[in-house]
Amino acid sequence: MGGDNLNFQFLIFDRVEELDLVGSWELVGLLAEQKKCSAPKLVTLNTMTPSGEHGMRFIADAHFSEAEQADVIFIPGGSGSRIAMEDPKVISYLQEQNNRCQAILSVCTGSFLMQKAGLFNGRRATTHWAFLSHLKDDPEIEVVEQRFVHDGNIWSSGGVSAGMDMMLAFIAHMFGTEVAADVQLYAEYFPATTIYGRPFERENVSEYIRGLSQHA
């Protein structure tokens, strides 16, 4: 279970997808305000001042090579993940952290880093619906077309907003449902059920998106 000294580190890199990062950051920030964990930190995989996919700018707290040991690592996606995954030092770092952390979570194409490091090997995992084929090409991974997946110390989610659902589930897992309920309420995270258009009829979407037809 979690504790007030639990250390959350959010990895960041140039061309990160903003909501992948800041949605779950907000939830962990609210958790820290309740004294359930320490304040989250931004740990960069490349530049100390990365820019997001859509222009938001960030200032990292530390470079991964100098960061203190994390209890929980969160890996967002974005086009920059495909660049970061080609750095062998980044991959070695993730492999080392897998043996030291309580949990590692990925959102969207943050899964590319997880896959490259072998953290999905022998596990169930998911990613953004548009990139499921990338994971399916790896025979070591059991791809599950759900909004998020939990397997051992590894958590993974679909794209962008799906990470917030995963983070709330992770908070409930670590701290209990009442704590998760408080965070959800303070964040007023009760997504509207309106479905615009008919996304479940598009090609190559995931099983859970096709299942939305039941609610249309």
C-alpha atoms as a PDB file:
ATOM      1  CA  MET A   1       0.000   0.000   0.000  1.00  0.00           C
ATOM      2  CA  GLY A   2       1.012   3.620  -0.433  1.00  0.00           C
ATOM      3  CA  GLY A   3       2.428   5.976   2.125  1.00  0.00           C
ATOM      4  CA  ASP A   4       3.016   9.689   2.582  1.00  0.00           C
ATOM      5  CA  ASN A   5       6.601   9.335   1.351  1.00  0.00           C
ATOM      6  CA  LEU A   6       5.689   7.512  -1.861  1.00  0.00           C
ATOM      7  CA  ASN A   7       7.705   9.079  -4.667  1.00  0.00           C
ATOM      8  CA  PHE A   8       5.940   9.590  -8.021  1.00  0.00           C
ATOM      9  CA  GLN A   9       8.140  10.520 -10.969  1.00  0.00           C
ATOM     10  CA  PHE A  10       6.626  11.537 -14.288  1.00  0.00           C
ATOM     11  CA  LEU A  11       8.987  11.059 -17.201  1.00  0.00           C
ATOM     12  CA  ILE A  12       9.007  13.763 -19.840  1.00  0.00           C
ATOM     13  CA  PHE A  13      10.679  14.399 -23.181  1.00  0.00           C
ATOM     14  CA  ASP A  14      10.436  16.767 -26.111  1.00  0.00           C
ATOM     15  CA  ARG A  15       7.146  16.324 -28.026  1.00  0.00           C
ATOM     16  CA  VAL A  16       5.300  14.752 -25.098  1.00  0.00           C
ATOM     17  CA  GLU A  17       1.509  14.527 -25.420  1.00  0.00           C
ATOM     18  CA  GLU A  18       0.332  17.108 -22.898  1.00  0.00           C
ATOM     19  CA  LEU A  19      -2.839  15.504 -21.529  1.00  0.00           C
ATOM     20  CA  ASP A  20      -1.090  12.145 -21.200  1.00  0.00           C
ATOM     21  CA  LEU A  21       1.076  13.889 -18.638  1.00  0.00           C
ATOM     22  CA  VAL A  22      -0.924  16.634 -16.953  1.00  0.00           C
ATOM     23  CA  GLY A  23      -4.191  14.738 -16.447  1.00  0.00           C
ATOM     24  CA  SER A  24      -2.611  12.125 -14.203  1.00  0.00           C
ATOM     25  CA  TRP A  25      -0.226  14.716 -12.733  1.00  0.00           C
ATOM     26  CA  GLU A  26      -3.264  16.618 -11.453  1.00  0.00           C
ATOM     27  CA  LEU A  27      -4.651  13.501  -9.770  1.00  0.00           C
ATOM     28  CA  VAL A  28      -1.333  12.729  -8.076  1.00  0.00           C
ATOM     29  CA  GLY A  29      -1.032  16.381  -7.062  1.00  0.00           C
ATOM     30  CA  LEU A  30      -4.394  16.117  -5.308  1.00  0.00           C
ATOM     31  CA  LEU A  31      -3.210  12.900  -3.679  1.00  0.00           C
ATOM     32  CA  ALA A  32      -0.145  14.750  -2.378  1.00  0.00           C
ATOM     33  CA  GLU A  33      -2.351  17.516  -0.976  1.00  0.00           C
ATOM     34  CA  GLN A  34      -4.043  14.829   1.111  1.00  0.00           C
ATOM     35  CA  LYS A  35      -0.587  13.867   2.466  1.00  0.00           C
ATOM     36  CA  LYS A  36      -0.846  10.438   0.863  1.00  0.00           C
ATOM     37  CA  CYS A  37       2.388  10.815  -1.131  1.00  0.00           C
ATOM     38  CA  SER A  38       5.134  13.329  -1.768  1.00  0.00           C
ATOM     39  CA  ALA A  39       4.727  15.973  -4.472  1.00  0.00           C
ATOM     40  CA  PRO A  40       5.304  14.477  -7.934  1.00  0.00           C
ATOM     41  CA  LYS A  41       8.480  15.272  -9.871  1.00  0.00           C
ATOM     42  CA  LEU A  42       9.173  15.766 -13.578  1.00  0.00           C
ATOM     43  CA  VAL A  43      12.156  13.714 -14.745  1.00  0.00           C
ATOM     44  CA  THR A  44      13.350  14.341 -18.283  1.00  0.00           C
ATOM     45  CA  LEU A  45      14.749  11.813 -20.729  1.00  0.00           C
ATOM     46  CA  ASN A  46      16.451  14.503 -22.814  1.00  0.00           C
ATOM     47  CA  THR A  47      16.176  18.307 -22.589  1.00  0.00           C
ATOM     48  CA  MET A  48      15.501  20.036 -19.265  1.00  0.00           C
ATOM     49  CA  THR A  49      12.975  22.343 -20.956  1.00  0.00           C
ATOM     50  CA  PRO A  50      10.878  20.080 -23.184  1.00  0.00           C
ATOM     51  CA  SER A  51       7.935  21.280 -25.251  1.00  0.00           C
ATOM     52  CA  GLY A  52       4.702  19.378 -25.612  1.00  0.00           C
ATOM     53  CA  GLU A  53       3.111  18.048 -28.774  1.00  0.00           C
ATOM     54  CA  HIS A  54       0.892  21.119 -28.953  1.00  0.00           C
ATOM     55  CA  GLY A  55       3.293  23.773 -27.681  1.00  0.00           C
ATOM     56  CA  MET A  56       3.002  23.634 -23.887  1.00  0.00           C
ATOM     57  CA  ARG A  57       6.398  24.147 -22.260  1.00  0.00           C
ATOM     58  CA  PHE A  58       7.776  22.386 -19.204  1.00  0.00           C
ATOM     59  CA  ILE A  59      10.737  22.653 -16.841  1.00  0.00           C
ATOM     60  CA  ALA A  60      12.030  19.334 -15.532  1.00  0.00           C
ATOM     61  CA  ASP A  61      13.079  18.813 -11.928  1.00  0.00           C
ATOM     62  CA  ALA A  62      15.905  16.444 -12.852  1.00  0.00           C
ATOM     63  CA  HIS A  63      17.505  14.439 -15.643  1.00  0.00           C
ATOM     64  CA  PHE A  64      16.909  10.701 -15.407  1.00  0.00           C
ATOM     65  CA  SER A  65      20.631  10.071 -14.992  1.00  0.00           C
ATOM     66  CA  GLU A  66      20.663  12.127 -11.779  1.00  0.00           C
ATOM     67  CA  ALA A  67      17.162  11.616 -10.374  1.00  0.00           C
ATOM     68  CA  GLU A  68      16.577  10.081  -6.957  1.00  0.00           C
ATOM     69  CA  GLN A  69      15.058   6.635  -6.783  1.00  0.00           C
ATOM     70  CA  ALA A  70      11.355   6.565  -7.629  1.00  0.00           C
ATOM     71  CA  ASP A  71       8.649   4.375  -6.133  1.00  0.00           C
ATOM     72  CA  VAL A  72       6.279   4.907  -9.056  1.00  0.00           C
ATOM     73  CA  ILE A  73       7.243   5.892 -12.606  1.00  0.00           C
ATOM     74  CA  PHE A  74       4.726   7.274 -15.082  1.00  0.00           C
ATOM     75  CA  ILE A  75       5.532   7.296 -18.811  1.00  0.00           C
ATOM     76  CA  PRO A  76       3.382   9.480 -21.086  1.00  0.00           C
ATOM     77  CA  GLY A  77       3.239   9.241 -24.868  1.00  0.00           C
ATOM     78  CA  GLY A  78       3.612  11.602 -27.777  1.00  0.00           C
ATOM     79  CA  SER A  79       5.691  11.541 -30.940  1.00  0.00           C
ATOM     80  CA  GLY A  80       8.792  12.196 -28.837  1.00  0.00           C
ATOM     81  CA  SER A  81       8.492   8.747 -27.293  1.00  0.00           C
ATOM     82  CA  ARG A  82       9.646   7.257 -30.606  1.00  0.00           C
ATOM     83  CA  ILE A  83      12.834   9.317 -30.342  1.00  0.00           C
ATOM     84  CA  ALA A  84      13.449   8.641 -26.646  1.00  0.00           C
ATOM     85  CA  MET A  85      13.093   4.897 -27.163  1.00  0.00           C
ATOM     86  CA  GLU A  86      16.154   4.891 -29.423  1.00  0.00           C
ATOM     87  CA  ASP A  87      18.431   6.047 -26.590  1.00  0.00           C
ATOM     88  CA  PRO A  88      20.052   2.916 -25.103  1.00  0.00           C
ATOM     89  CA  LYS A  89      20.721   4.746 -21.827  1.00  0.00           C
ATOM     90  CA  VAL A  90      16.999   5.450 -21.452  1.00  0.00           C
ATOM     91  CA  ILE A  91      16.155   1.801 -22.104  1.00  0.00           C
ATOM     92  CA  SER A  92      18.750   0.601 -19.588  1.00  0.00           C
ATOM     93  CA  TYR A  93      17.367   3.057 -17.046  1.00  0.00           C
ATOM     94  CA  LEU A  94      13.829   1.692 -17.469  1.00  0.00           C
ATOM     95  CA  GLN A  95      15.053  -1.883 -17.144  1.00  0.00           C
ATOM     96  CA  GLU A  96      16.840  -1.002 -13.911  1.00  0.00           C
ATOM     97  CA  GLN A  97      13.798   0.829 -12.557  1.00  0.00           C
ATOM     98  CA  ASN A  98      11.585  -2.171 -13.254  1.00  0.00           C
ATOM     99  CA  ASN A  99      13.561  -4.036 -10.586  1.00  0.00           C
ATOM    100  CA  ARG A 100      13.453  -1.172  -8.086  1.00  0.00           C
ATOM    101  CA  CYS A 101      10.060   0.532  -8.427  1.00  0.00           C
ATOM    102  CA  GLN A 102       6.778  -0.518  -6.905  1.00  0.00           C
ATOM    103  CA  ALA A 103       5.041   0.187 -10.217  1.00  0.00           C
ATOM    104  CA  ILE A 104       5.577   1.585 -13.710  1.00  0.00           C
ATOM    105  CA  LEU A 105       2.634   3.052 -15.628  1.00  0.00           C
ATOM    106  CA  SER A 106       2.439   4.018 -19.306  1.00  0.00           C
ATOM    107  CA  VAL A 107      -0.113   5.994 -21.286  1.00  0.00           C
ATOM    108  CA  CYS A 108      -0.613   5.963 -25.040  1.00  0.00           C
ATOM    109  CA  THR A 109       2.690   5.568 -26.921  1.00  0.00           C
ATOM    110  CA  GLY A 110       4.615   5.636 -23.680  1.00  0.00           C
ATOM    111  CA  SER A 111       4.044   1.927 -24.306  1.00  0.00           C
ATOM    112  CA  PHE A 112       6.744   2.069 -27.010  1.00  0.00           C
ATOM    113  CA  LEU A 113       9.343   2.724 -24.321  1.00  0.00           C
ATOM    114  CA  MET A 114       7.936  -0.064 -22.163  1.00  0.00           C
ATOM    115  CA  GLN A 115       7.979  -2.500 -25.080  1.00  0.00           C
ATOM    116  CA  LYS A 116      11.513  -1.553 -26.149  1.00  0.00           C
ATOM    117  CA  ALA A 117      12.745  -2.123 -22.589  1.00  0.00           C
ATOM    118  CA  GLY A 118      11.043  -5.525 -22.452  1.00  0.00           C
ATOM    119  CA  LEU A 119       8.790  -4.509 -19.572  1.00  0.00           C
ATOM    120  CA  PHE A 120       5.725  -5.961 -21.302  1.00  0.00           C
ATOM    121  CA  ASN A 121       7.333  -9.350 -21.939  1.00  0.00           C
ATOM    122  CA  GLY A 122       5.035 -12.122 -20.731  1.00  0.00           C
ATOM    123  CA  ARG A 123       2.431  -9.576 -19.659  1.00  0.00           C
ATOM    124  CA  ARG A 124      -0.922  -8.178 -20.708  1.00  0.00           C
ATOM    125  CA  ALA A 125      -0.739  -4.611 -22.017  1.00  0.00           C
ATOM    126  CA  THR A 126      -2.481  -1.993 -24.129  1.00  0.00           C
ATOM    127  CA  THR A 127      -1.891   1.330 -25.864  1.00  0.00           C
ATOM    128  CA  HIS A 128      -3.704   3.935 -27.985  1.00  0.00           C
ATOM    129  CA  TRP A 129      -6.056   2.179 -30.409  1.00  0.00           C
ATOM    130  CA  ALA A 130      -4.175   3.570 -33.429  1.00  0.00           C
ATOM    131  CA  PHE A 131      -0.938   1.893 -32.290  1.00  0.00           C
ATOM    132  CA  LEU A 132      -2.194  -1.502 -31.111  1.00  0.00           C
ATOM    133  CA  SER A 133      -0.552  -3.149 -34.118  1.00  0.00           C
ATOM    134  CA  HIS A 134       2.859  -2.050 -32.813  1.00  0.00           C
ATOM    135  CA  LEU A 135       2.355  -4.157 -29.692  1.00  0.00           C
ATOM    136  CA  LYS A 136       0.657  -6.992 -31.570  1.00  0.00           C
ATOM    137  CA  ASP A 137       3.799  -7.422 -33.663  1.00  0.00           C
ATOM    138  CA  ASP A 138       5.643  -8.451 -30.493  1.00  0.00           C
ATOM    139  CA  PRO A 139       4.984 -12.134 -29.665  1.00  0.00           C
ATOM    140  CA  GLU A 140       6.071 -11.554 -26.061  1.00  0.00           C
ATOM    141  CA  ILE A 141       3.047  -9.334 -25.331  1.00  0.00           C
ATOM    142  CA  GLU A 142      -0.596 -10.289 -24.776  1.00  0.00           C
ATOM    143  CA  VAL A 143      -2.395  -7.252 -26.166  1.00  0.00           C
ATOM    144  CA  VAL A 144      -5.682  -6.446 -24.438  1.00  0.00           C
ATOM    145  CA  GLU A 145      -7.951  -3.943 -26.182  1.00  0.00           C
ATOM    146  CA  GLN A 146      -9.237  -2.226 -23.055  1.00  0.00           C
ATOM    147  CA  ARG A 147      -9.033   1.319 -21.711  1.00  0.00           C
ATOM    148  CA  PHE A 148      -6.332   0.269 -19.243  1.00  0.00           C
ATOM    149  CA  VAL A 149      -4.641  -2.935 -18.110  1.00  0.00           C
ATOM    150  CA  HIS A 150      -2.960  -3.948 -14.845  1.00  0.00           C
ATOM    151  CA  ASP A 151      -0.532  -6.872 -14.777  1.00  0.00           C
ATOM    152  CA  GLY A 152       1.731  -7.198 -11.744  1.00  0.00           C
ATOM    153  CA  ASN A 153       3.760  -4.029 -11.236  1.00  0.00           C
ATOM    154  CA  ILE A 154       3.017  -2.891 -14.796  1.00  0.00           C
ATOM    155  CA  TRP A 155       0.056  -0.709 -15.760  1.00  0.00           C
ATOM    156  CA  SER A 156      -0.752   0.529 -19.262  1.00  0.00           C
ATOM    157  CA  SER A 157      -3.572   2.510 -20.810  1.00  0.00           C
ATOM    158  CA  GLY A 158      -5.003   3.645 -24.100  1.00  0.00           C
ATOM    159  CA  GLY A 159      -4.459   7.148 -25.373  1.00  0.00           C
ATOM    160  CA  VAL A 160      -4.523  10.573 -23.784  1.00  0.00           C
ATOM    161  CA  SER A 161      -7.567  10.743 -21.455  1.00  0.00           C
ATOM    162  CA  ALA A 162      -7.451   7.000 -20.732  1.00  0.00           C
ATOM    163  CA  GLY A 163      -4.451   7.608 -18.501  1.00  0.00           C
ATOM    164  CA  MET A 164      -6.627   9.422 -15.970  1.00  0.00           C
ATOM    165  CA  ASP A 165      -8.874   6.389 -15.573  1.00  0.00           C
ATOM    166  CA  MET A 166      -5.798   4.238 -15.099  1.00  0.00           C
ATOM    167  CA  MET A 167      -4.345   6.613 -12.511  1.00  0.00           C
ATOM    168  CA  LEU A 168      -7.560   6.655 -10.478  1.00  0.00           C
ATOM    169  CA  ALA A 169      -7.598   2.850 -10.534  1.00  0.00           C
ATOM    170  CA  PHE A 170      -3.952   2.831  -9.461  1.00  0.00           C
ATOM    171  CA  ILE A 171      -4.713   5.212  -6.586  1.00  0.00           C
ATOM    172  CA  ALA A 172      -7.579   2.953  -5.498  1.00  0.00           C
ATOM    173  CA  HIS A 173      -5.252  -0.057  -5.695  1.00  0.00           C
ATOM    174  CA  MET A 174      -2.530   1.593  -3.630  1.00  0.00           C
ATOM    175  CA  PHE A 175      -4.510   3.732  -1.196  1.00  0.00           C
ATOM    176  CA  GLY A 176      -8.055   2.349  -1.186  1.00  0.00           C
ATOM    177  CA  THR A 177     -11.307   3.302  -2.862  1.00  0.00           C
ATOM    178  CA  GLU A 178     -12.174   6.064  -0.388  1.00  0.00           C
ATOM    179  CA  VAL A 179      -8.960   7.935  -1.154  1.00  0.00           C
ATOM    180  CA  ALA A 180      -9.562   7.479  -4.880  1.00  0.00           C
ATOM    181  CA  ALA A 181     -13.126   8.740  -4.397  1.00  0.00           C
ATOM    182  CA  ASP A 182     -11.840  11.914  -2.727  1.00  0.00           C
ATOM    183  CA  VAL A 183      -9.353  12.552  -5.540  1.00  0.00           C
ATOM    184  CA  GLN A 184     -12.025  11.927  -8.162  1.00  0.00           C
ATOM    185  CA  LEU A 185     -14.410  14.327  -6.434  1.00  0.00           C
ATOM    186  CA  TYR A 186     -11.866  17.129  -5.964  1.00  0.00           C
ATOM    187  CA  ALA A 187     -10.861  16.782  -9.622  1.00  0.00           C
ATOM    188  CA  GLU A 188     -14.567  16.621 -10.551  1.00  0.00           C
ATOM    189  CA  TYR A 189     -13.598  13.817 -12.876  1.00  0.00           C
ATOM    190  CA  PHE A 190     -16.945  12.367 -13.871  1.00  0.00           C
ATOM    191  CA  PRO A 191     -16.650  12.215 -17.684  1.00  0.00           C
ATOM    192  CA  ALA A 192     -19.747  13.040 -19.701  1.00  0.00           C
ATOM    193  CA  THR A 193     -21.290  10.016 -21.373  1.00  0.00           C
ATOM    194  CA  THR A 194     -22.049  11.813 -24.645  1.00  0.00           C
ATOM    195  CA  ILE A 195     -20.547  10.040 -27.660  1.00  0.00           C
ATOM    196  CA  TYR A 196     -20.123  12.324 -30.662  1.00  0.00           C
ATOM    197  CA  GLY A 197     -20.665  10.673 -34.021  1.00  0.00           C
ATOM    198  CA  ARG A 198     -20.146   6.940 -34.367  1.00  0.00           C
ATOM    199  CA  PRO A 199     -16.479   6.262 -33.525  1.00  0.00           C
ATOM    200  CA  PHE A 200     -17.224   2.570 -32.983  1.00  0.00           C
ATOM    201  CA  GLU A 201     -17.835   2.186 -36.732  1.00  0.00           C
ATOM    202  CA  ARG A 202     -14.361   3.355 -37.738  1.00  0.00           C
ATOM    203  CA  GLU A 203     -11.728   0.919 -38.911  1.00  0.00           C
ATOM    204  CA  ASN A 204      -9.080  -0.496 -36.589  1.00  0.00           C
ATOM    205  CA  VAL A 205     -10.466   0.932 -33.331  1.00  0.00           C
ATOM    206  CA  SER A 206     -10.059  -1.155 -30.192  1.00  0.00           C
ATOM    207  CA  GLU A 207     -12.628  -3.583 -28.818  1.00  0.00           C
ATOM    208  CA  TYR A 208     -13.643  -1.289 -25.984  1.00  0.00           C
ATOM    209  CA  ILE A 209     -14.326   1.569 -28.429  1.00  0.00           C
ATOM    210  CA  ARG A 210     -16.448  -0.742 -30.580  1.00  0.00           C
ATOM    211  CA  GLY A 211     -18.320  -1.617 -27.397  1.00  0.00           C
ATOM    212  CA  LEU A 212     -19.418   2.002 -27.058  1.00  0.00           C
ATOM    213  CA  SER A 213     -22.139   1.257 -29.606  1.00  0.00           C
ATOM    214  CA  GLN A 214     -24.152  -0.187 -26.710  1.00  0.00           C
ATOM    215  CA  HIS A 215     -24.347   3.289 -25.177  1.00  0.00           C
ATOM    216  CA  ALA A 216     -24.986   5.331 -28.317  1.00  0.00           C
END
